[in-house]
Every structure is written in structure tokens, then in C-alpha cells.
Amino acid sequence: MSEVVTKAVQKLGEKIDSFDSVAKFVITGEGAIMIDEDGVRAGDEDAEVTLTASRETFEGILNGDVNPATAFMMGKLKIDGSMGVAMQLGQKLS
């Protein structure tokens, strides 16, 4: 597991206390992070929605410099699966 994923798991865990659905963040070239009712962890399992972004975009979303909706509209964040679950996750990150 990359250092980027390890740090991202920690930061996401601070922002997301509970999540009723299953989402996966894929950080291109680094790895994947699962978010579900059990919390946040490194992993690459099936999910209701998969969000894929570069390290820079992902870090911007985490620290609040990048709006997830704007990143999606600019093509910097790809969403595969349930848009509703993606929107729930976006609210948790705001």
C-alpha cells in the first residue's frame, strides 16, 4: 500500500464517521480506498460507486481546495456507478 493511500485513509476517516453505502476511491497509480458502514480502509472490492482521480485531484478534494462536483464536470473526477451514492459521499467531504 502506498504512503498516499495510507494518509488518505487516515484523513478520510477523520471526515467520515459513518456511511451507509459502499464507495471506492481509486487514486490513479497509488491504490484504492473503500468506504462503507465499517469505516474507511485500503482495499479494492466491489462498490456501489467508484470514484477515480489523480493524486493531485484527490488531495485537493480532501483538503477542500477542489470541489468534487467541479472536478467531475471538468473531467478530473470519474464516477462509475450510483450518482446518488457519489453525491452522499460528496456531502460528507464538504
N, C-alpha and C. Protein backbone atom coordinates (compact mmCIF):
# COMPACT_ATOMS: atom_id res chain seq x y z
N MET A 1 0.85 -1.18 0.00
CA MET A 1 0.00 0.00 0.00
C MET A 1 0.89 1.24 0.00
N SER A 2 0.53 2.21 -0.82
CA SER A 2 1.35 3.41 -0.93
C SER A 2 1.14 4.35 0.26
N GLU A 3 2.11 5.20 0.48
CA GLU A 3 2.01 6.19 1.55
C GLU A 3 0.83 7.14 1.30
N VAL A 4 0.55 7.42 0.03
CA VAL A 4 -0.57 8.29 -0.33
C VAL A 4 -1.88 7.67 0.16
N VAL A 5 -2.05 6.38 -0.09
CA VAL A 5 -3.28 5.70 0.33
C VAL A 5 -3.37 5.66 1.85
N THR A 6 -2.27 5.38 2.52
CA THR A 6 -2.26 5.34 3.99
C THR A 6 -2.70 6.68 4.57
N LYS A 7 -2.15 7.76 4.07
CA LYS A 7 -2.51 9.10 4.56
C LYS A 7 -3.96 9.43 4.21
N ALA A 8 -4.40 9.03 3.02
CA ALA A 8 -5.77 9.30 2.59
C ALA A 8 -6.78 8.56 3.46
N VAL A 9 -6.47 7.32 3.82
CA VAL A 9 -7.35 6.55 4.71
C VAL A 9 -7.51 7.29 6.04
N GLN A 10 -6.41 7.78 6.58
CA GLN A 10 -6.45 8.50 7.85
C GLN A 10 -7.29 9.77 7.73
N LYS A 11 -7.05 10.54 6.69
CA LYS A 11 -7.76 11.81 6.51
C LYS A 11 -9.25 11.59 6.26
N LEU A 12 -9.58 10.60 5.41
CA LEU A 12 -11.00 10.29 5.16
C LEU A 12 -11.68 9.80 6.43
N GLY A 13 -10.97 9.01 7.23
CA GLY A 13 -11.53 8.52 8.48
C GLY A 13 -11.88 9.65 9.44
N GLU A 14 -11.14 10.74 9.38
CA GLU A 14 -11.43 11.91 10.21
C GLU A 14 -12.69 12.64 9.72
N LYS A 15 -12.95 12.59 8.42
CA LYS A 15 -14.08 13.31 7.83
C LYS A 15 -15.37 12.49 7.81
N ILE A 16 -15.24 11.16 7.70
CA ILE A 16 -16.42 10.32 7.52
C ILE A 16 -16.55 9.40 8.73
N ASP A 17 -17.57 9.66 9.56
CA ASP A 17 -17.77 8.84 10.75
C ASP A 17 -18.65 7.64 10.45
N SER A 18 -19.58 7.77 9.52
CA SER A 18 -20.42 6.65 9.13
C SER A 18 -20.88 6.85 7.69
N PHE A 19 -21.09 5.73 7.00
CA PHE A 19 -21.52 5.79 5.61
C PHE A 19 -22.32 4.51 5.33
N ASP A 20 -23.59 4.68 4.97
CA ASP A 20 -24.50 3.53 4.83
C ASP A 20 -24.34 2.77 3.51
N SER A 21 -23.65 3.34 2.57
CA SER A 21 -23.46 2.70 1.27
C SER A 21 -22.03 2.21 1.14
N VAL A 22 -21.66 1.72 -0.06
CA VAL A 22 -20.30 1.25 -0.29
C VAL A 22 -19.71 2.04 -1.46
N ALA A 23 -18.61 2.74 -1.19
CA ALA A 23 -17.95 3.54 -2.21
C ALA A 23 -16.48 3.18 -2.25
N LYS A 24 -15.89 3.41 -3.42
CA LYS A 24 -14.46 3.16 -3.59
C LYS A 24 -13.83 4.36 -4.27
N PHE A 25 -12.74 4.84 -3.69
CA PHE A 25 -11.92 5.87 -4.32
C PHE A 25 -10.71 5.18 -4.92
N VAL A 26 -10.46 5.41 -6.19
CA VAL A 26 -9.25 4.91 -6.83
C VAL A 26 -8.36 6.12 -7.11
N ILE A 27 -7.17 6.09 -6.52
CA ILE A 27 -6.19 7.14 -6.77
C ILE A 27 -5.23 6.58 -7.81
N THR A 28 -5.29 7.15 -9.00
CA THR A 28 -4.52 6.63 -10.14
C THR A 28 -3.04 6.46 -9.79
N GLY A 29 -2.54 5.25 -10.00
CA GLY A 29 -1.14 4.95 -9.75
C GLY A 29 -0.78 4.72 -8.30
N GLU A 30 -1.75 4.84 -7.39
CA GLU A 30 -1.45 4.69 -5.96
C GLU A 30 -2.18 3.53 -5.31
N GLY A 31 -3.47 3.35 -5.61
CA GLY A 31 -4.26 2.29 -4.98
C GLY A 31 -5.69 2.71 -4.78
N ALA A 32 -6.42 1.93 -3.98
CA ALA A 32 -7.85 2.18 -3.79
C ALA A 32 -8.20 2.20 -2.30
N ILE A 33 -9.29 2.91 -2.01
CA ILE A 33 -9.78 3.07 -0.65
C ILE A 33 -11.26 2.73 -0.63
N MET A 34 -11.66 1.92 0.32
CA MET A 34 -13.06 1.54 0.48
C MET A 34 -13.68 2.36 1.61
N ILE A 35 -14.94 2.77 1.41
CA ILE A 35 -15.69 3.50 2.42
C ILE A 35 -17.04 2.81 2.54
N ASP A 36 -17.37 2.32 3.75
CA ASP A 36 -18.65 1.64 3.95
C ASP A 36 -19.05 1.76 5.42
N GLU A 37 -20.03 0.96 5.83
CA GLU A 37 -20.53 1.06 7.21
C GLU A 37 -19.48 0.69 8.24
N ASP A 38 -18.44 -0.02 7.83
CA ASP A 38 -17.36 -0.38 8.75
C ASP A 38 -16.29 0.70 8.86
N GLY A 39 -16.39 1.74 8.03
CA GLY A 39 -15.42 2.82 8.08
C GLY A 39 -14.62 2.96 6.79
N VAL A 40 -13.42 3.46 6.93
CA VAL A 40 -12.54 3.73 5.79
C VAL A 40 -11.32 2.84 5.90
N ARG A 41 -10.95 2.19 4.78
CA ARG A 41 -9.79 1.31 4.79
C ARG A 41 -9.23 1.18 3.39
N ALA A 42 -7.99 0.79 3.29
CA ALA A 42 -7.41 0.48 1.99
C ALA A 42 -8.05 -0.81 1.50
N GLY A 43 -8.37 -0.87 0.22
CA GLY A 43 -8.98 -2.08 -0.33
C GLY A 43 -9.46 -1.83 -1.74
N ASP A 44 -9.73 -2.91 -2.42
CA ASP A 44 -10.19 -2.81 -3.81
C ASP A 44 -11.27 -3.88 -4.02
N GLU A 45 -12.46 -3.58 -3.51
CA GLU A 45 -13.57 -4.52 -3.56
C GLU A 45 -14.69 -3.92 -4.42
N ASP A 46 -15.74 -4.70 -4.64
CA ASP A 46 -16.90 -4.18 -5.36
C ASP A 46 -17.55 -3.07 -4.55
N ALA A 47 -18.09 -2.07 -5.25
CA ALA A 47 -18.72 -0.94 -4.58
C ALA A 47 -19.91 -0.47 -5.41
N GLU A 48 -20.80 0.28 -4.76
CA GLU A 48 -21.95 0.85 -5.46
C GLU A 48 -21.50 1.97 -6.40
N VAL A 49 -20.43 2.63 -6.03
CA VAL A 49 -19.87 3.69 -6.87
C VAL A 49 -18.35 3.69 -6.73
N THR A 50 -17.69 3.91 -7.86
CA THR A 50 -16.23 4.03 -7.87
C THR A 50 -15.87 5.41 -8.39
N LEU A 51 -15.09 6.13 -7.61
CA LEU A 51 -14.62 7.46 -7.99
C LEU A 51 -13.13 7.36 -8.27
N THR A 52 -12.72 7.84 -9.43
CA THR A 52 -11.32 7.74 -9.84
C THR A 52 -10.77 9.14 -10.12
N ALA A 53 -9.61 9.41 -9.53
CA ALA A 53 -8.98 10.73 -9.72
C ALA A 53 -7.47 10.58 -9.57
N SER A 54 -6.77 11.59 -10.06
CA SER A 54 -5.32 11.64 -9.86
C SER A 54 -5.03 11.96 -8.40
N ARG A 55 -3.80 11.76 -8.02
CA ARG A 55 -3.38 12.08 -6.66
C ARG A 55 -3.64 13.55 -6.35
N GLU A 56 -3.31 14.43 -7.27
CA GLU A 56 -3.47 15.86 -7.05
C GLU A 56 -4.93 16.23 -6.85
N THR A 57 -5.80 15.70 -7.70
CA THR A 57 -7.24 16.00 -7.58
C THR A 57 -7.78 15.45 -6.27
N PHE A 58 -7.42 14.21 -5.94
CA PHE A 58 -7.90 13.59 -4.71
C PHE A 58 -7.46 14.39 -3.49
N GLU A 59 -6.19 14.79 -3.46
CA GLU A 59 -5.69 15.57 -2.33
C GLU A 59 -6.41 16.92 -2.24
N GLY A 60 -6.72 17.53 -3.39
CA GLY A 60 -7.46 18.79 -3.41
C GLY A 60 -8.86 18.62 -2.85
N ILE A 61 -9.51 17.51 -3.18
CA ILE A 61 -10.85 17.24 -2.65
C ILE A 61 -10.77 17.06 -1.13
N LEU A 62 -9.77 16.32 -0.67
CA LEU A 62 -9.63 16.08 0.77
C LEU A 62 -9.35 17.34 1.57
N ASN A 63 -8.52 18.23 1.03
CA ASN A 63 -8.19 19.42 1.82
C ASN A 63 -9.11 20.60 1.54
N GLY A 64 -10.11 20.39 0.69
CA GLY A 64 -11.12 21.43 0.46
C GLY A 64 -10.79 22.41 -0.64
N ASP A 65 -9.65 22.26 -1.32
CA ASP A 65 -9.28 23.16 -2.40
C ASP A 65 -10.01 22.85 -3.70
N VAL A 66 -10.50 21.62 -3.85
CA VAL A 66 -11.18 21.19 -5.08
C VAL A 66 -12.58 20.72 -4.72
N ASN A 67 -13.58 21.32 -5.38
CA ASN A 67 -14.96 20.90 -5.19
C ASN A 67 -15.18 19.62 -6.01
N PRO A 68 -15.70 18.54 -5.39
CA PRO A 68 -15.90 17.29 -6.13
C PRO A 68 -16.79 17.45 -7.37
N ALA A 69 -17.85 18.25 -7.27
CA ALA A 69 -18.75 18.44 -8.42
C ALA A 69 -18.03 19.15 -9.56
N THR A 70 -17.23 20.14 -9.22
CA THR A 70 -16.46 20.86 -10.24
C THR A 70 -15.43 19.93 -10.88
N ALA A 71 -14.76 19.12 -10.05
CA ALA A 71 -13.77 18.18 -10.58
C ALA A 71 -14.43 17.19 -11.54
N PHE A 72 -15.64 16.75 -11.21
CA PHE A 72 -16.37 15.83 -12.08
C PHE A 72 -16.71 16.51 -13.41
N MET A 73 -17.22 17.74 -13.34
CA MET A 73 -17.61 18.45 -14.57
C MET A 73 -16.42 18.78 -15.45
N MET A 74 -15.24 18.93 -14.85
CA MET A 74 -14.02 19.23 -15.60
C MET A 74 -13.33 17.97 -16.10
N GLY A 75 -13.89 16.80 -15.75
CA GLY A 75 -13.31 15.54 -16.19
C GLY A 75 -12.13 15.08 -15.35
N LYS A 76 -11.90 15.72 -14.21
CA LYS A 76 -10.79 15.34 -13.34
C LYS A 76 -11.18 14.24 -12.34
N LEU A 77 -12.48 14.05 -12.18
CA LEU A 77 -13.01 13.01 -11.30
C LEU A 77 -13.99 12.18 -12.11
N LYS A 78 -13.72 10.88 -12.22
CA LYS A 78 -14.60 9.99 -12.96
C LYS A 78 -15.46 9.22 -11.97
N ILE A 79 -16.74 9.07 -12.29
CA ILE A 79 -17.68 8.37 -11.42
C ILE A 79 -18.30 7.23 -12.20
N ASP A 80 -18.20 6.03 -11.65
CA ASP A 80 -18.78 4.85 -12.27
C ASP A 80 -19.70 4.18 -11.25
N GLY A 81 -20.99 4.19 -11.55
CA GLY A 81 -21.95 3.58 -10.63
C GLY A 81 -23.00 4.59 -10.19
N SER A 82 -23.46 4.44 -8.97
CA SER A 82 -24.56 5.22 -8.44
C SER A 82 -24.18 6.69 -8.20
N MET A 83 -24.80 7.57 -8.96
CA MET A 83 -24.56 9.00 -8.77
C MET A 83 -25.10 9.46 -7.42
N GLY A 84 -26.18 8.84 -6.95
CA GLY A 84 -26.75 9.19 -5.65
C GLY A 84 -25.76 8.91 -4.52
N VAL A 85 -25.10 7.76 -4.57
CA VAL A 85 -24.10 7.42 -3.55
C VAL A 85 -22.92 8.38 -3.65
N ALA A 86 -22.53 8.72 -4.87
CA ALA A 86 -21.44 9.68 -5.06
C ALA A 86 -21.80 11.03 -4.43
N MET A 87 -23.04 11.45 -4.59
CA MET A 87 -23.47 12.73 -4.01
C MET A 87 -23.49 12.66 -2.48
N GLN A 88 -23.90 11.52 -1.92
CA GLN A 88 -23.87 11.35 -0.46
C GLN A 88 -22.43 11.49 0.05
N LEU A 89 -21.51 10.86 -0.66
CA LEU A 89 -20.11 10.93 -0.27
C LEU A 89 -19.59 12.36 -0.38
N GLY A 90 -19.98 13.04 -1.45
CA GLY A 90 -19.57 14.44 -1.63
C GLY A 90 -20.02 15.32 -0.47
N GLN A 91 -21.22 15.07 0.04
CA GLN A 91 -21.73 15.84 1.18
C GLN A 91 -20.88 15.58 2.43
N LYS A 92 -20.44 14.35 2.60
CA LYS A 92 -19.61 14.01 3.76
C LYS A 92 -18.24 14.70 3.69
N LEU A 93 -17.77 14.93 2.46
CA LEU A 93 -16.45 15.53 2.29
C LEU A 93 -16.47 17.04 2.34
N SER A 94 -17.66 17.63 2.29
CA SER A 94 -17.77 19.11 2.30
C SER A 94 -17.55 19.68 3.67
